């Protein structure tokens, strides 16, 4: 697994969104996204970007990051190698290095990127 690879992560999601809706405190979740690395010294998290929203009138792209604790990961699988342009990948990695895990998570994890360039066919 390398930076910019499209991966599938199967993990236990114990987030607040599932509390009071189901008996089990954890839900098995499958997430597809582009691998951006690992973050955290004590509690490692895998960081992926999995959503891009384009606003044509503003020529603005927002990207959503997900940080999954390594202890919650059941399985990772490579889907396709190097699916993101080098330019966009560098920008995404810069964002992940600049921000704390808590800033990258969930709805807070939307950042302006101004471009989306994938190599996927």
Protein backbone atom coordinates (compact mmCIF):
# COMPACT_ATOMS: atom_id res chain seq x y z
CA UNK A 1 0.00 0.00 0.00
CA UNK A 2 1.53 3.28 -1.16
CA UNK A 3 0.50 6.92 -1.08
CA UNK A 4 -2.13 7.58 -3.74
CA UNK A 5 -3.39 3.98 -3.95
CA UNK A 6 -7.12 3.32 -3.92
CA UNK A 7 -7.79 1.01 -0.97
CA UNK A 8 -10.69 -0.70 0.74
CA UNK A 9 -10.74 -0.58 4.55
CA UNK A 10 -13.05 -2.85 6.55
CA UNK A 11 -13.33 -1.53 10.08
CA UNK A 12 -15.40 -1.33 13.24
CA UNK A 13 -17.17 2.02 13.39
CA UNK A 14 -18.18 2.92 16.94
CA UNK A 15 -19.04 6.52 16.11
CA UNK A 16 -21.81 8.53 17.70
CA UNK A 17 -24.05 8.22 14.64
CA UNK A 18 -24.91 4.61 15.51
CA UNK A 19 -25.57 5.03 19.23
CA UNK A 20 -29.25 4.71 20.23
CA UNK A 21 -30.08 3.24 16.80
CA UNK A 22 -28.82 -0.31 17.28
CA UNK A 23 -27.95 -2.59 20.19
CA UNK A 24 -24.42 -3.35 19.06
CA UNK A 25 -21.99 -0.52 19.86
CA UNK A 26 -19.93 -1.19 16.73
CA UNK A 27 -20.85 -1.50 13.07
CA UNK A 28 -18.69 -3.21 10.45
CA UNK A 29 -18.05 -0.54 7.83
CA UNK A 30 -16.38 -0.74 4.42
CA UNK A 31 -14.79 2.44 3.13
CA UNK A 32 -13.09 3.05 -0.22
CA UNK A 33 -10.61 5.89 -0.45
CA UNK A 34 -7.18 7.06 -1.51
CA UNK A 35 -4.42 6.20 1.00
CA UNK A 36 -2.61 9.26 2.36
CA UNK A 37 -0.58 7.65 5.14
CA UNK A 38 -0.66 7.07 8.88
CA UNK A 39 -1.06 9.71 11.56
CA UNK A 40 -0.64 9.69 15.34
CA UNK A 41 2.20 8.76 17.65
CA UNK A 42 0.43 6.69 20.29
CA UNK A 43 -2.85 5.82 18.59
CA UNK A 44 -2.11 5.31 14.88
CA UNK A 45 -4.83 6.20 12.37
CA UNK A 46 -4.94 5.41 8.66
CA UNK A 47 -5.79 8.55 6.69
CA UNK A 48 -7.74 8.36 3.45
CA UNK A 49 -9.57 10.86 1.29
CA UNK A 50 -12.79 9.38 0.03
CA UNK A 51 -14.99 12.12 -1.30
CA UNK A 52 -14.64 15.10 -3.60
CA UNK A 53 -17.47 17.57 -4.20
CA UNK A 54 -17.16 20.00 -7.12
CA UNK A 55 -18.92 23.37 -7.22
CA UNK A 56 -18.61 24.48 -10.88
CA UNK A 57 -19.79 28.07 -10.39
CA UNK A 58 -17.17 28.69 -7.72
CA UNK A 59 -14.56 26.44 -9.37
CA UNK A 60 -14.13 24.94 -5.93
CA UNK A 61 -13.50 21.35 -4.89
CA UNK A 62 -13.95 20.19 -1.32
CA UNK A 63 -12.29 16.98 -0.20
CA UNK A 64 -13.31 14.82 2.75
CA UNK A 65 -10.78 12.95 4.85
CA UNK A 66 -11.41 9.94 7.07
CA UNK A 67 -9.09 8.88 9.89
CA UNK A 68 -9.63 5.33 11.10
CA UNK A 69 -7.93 4.09 14.29
CA UNK A 70 -5.63 1.15 13.49
CA UNK A 71 -7.07 -0.88 16.37
CA UNK A 72 -10.50 -0.72 14.67
CA UNK A 73 -9.26 -1.95 11.27
CA UNK A 74 -10.22 -5.52 10.41
CA UNK A 75 -8.76 -5.60 6.89
CA UNK A 76 -7.20 -3.41 4.20
CA UNK A 77 -7.08 -4.30 0.53
CA UNK A 78 -5.46 -2.64 -2.47
CA UNK A 79 -8.04 -1.87 -5.16
CA UNK A 80 -5.92 0.04 -7.70
CA UNK A 81 -2.43 1.50 -7.58
CA UNK A 82 -1.67 5.22 -7.88
CA UNK A 83 -5.09 6.62 -8.82
CA UNK A 84 -4.36 10.27 -8.04
CA UNK A 85 -2.16 12.72 -9.93
CA UNK A 86 1.15 13.49 -8.24
CA UNK A 87 0.20 17.17 -7.93
CA UNK A 88 -3.08 16.46 -6.15
CA UNK A 89 -1.50 13.73 -4.00
CA UNK A 90 1.17 16.14 -2.74
CA UNK A 91 -1.53 18.66 -1.88
CA UNK A 92 -3.58 16.06 0.00
CA UNK A 93 -0.54 14.84 1.96
CA UNK A 94 0.36 18.44 2.88
CA UNK A 95 -3.16 18.92 4.28
CA UNK A 96 -2.93 15.74 6.36
CA UNK A 97 0.46 16.73 7.78
CA UNK A 98 -0.71 20.25 8.59
CA UNK A 99 -3.85 19.26 10.56
CA UNK A 100 -4.50 17.18 13.66
CA UNK A 101 -6.49 13.94 13.44
CA UNK A 102 -9.38 15.61 15.25
CA UNK A 103 -9.47 18.33 12.56
CA UNK A 104 -9.44 15.84 9.68
CA UNK A 105 -12.24 13.63 11.03
CA UNK A 106 -15.88 13.61 10.01
CA UNK A 107 -17.63 16.77 8.84
CA UNK A 108 -14.71 18.93 9.93
CA UNK A 109 -12.54 17.12 7.39
CA UNK A 110 -13.64 19.13 4.35
CA UNK A 111 -10.84 21.10 2.73
CA UNK A 112 -10.65 23.18 -0.42
CA UNK A 113 -8.45 21.65 -3.12
CA UNK A 114 -9.41 23.56 -6.31
CA UNK A 115 -8.78 20.54 -8.51
CA UNK A 116 -9.49 16.86 -8.82
CA UNK A 117 -7.32 14.83 -11.17
CA UNK A 118 -7.62 11.08 -11.06
CA UNK A 119 -5.84 8.60 -13.32
CA UNK A 120 -8.71 6.12 -13.12
CA UNK A 121 -10.20 5.07 -16.43
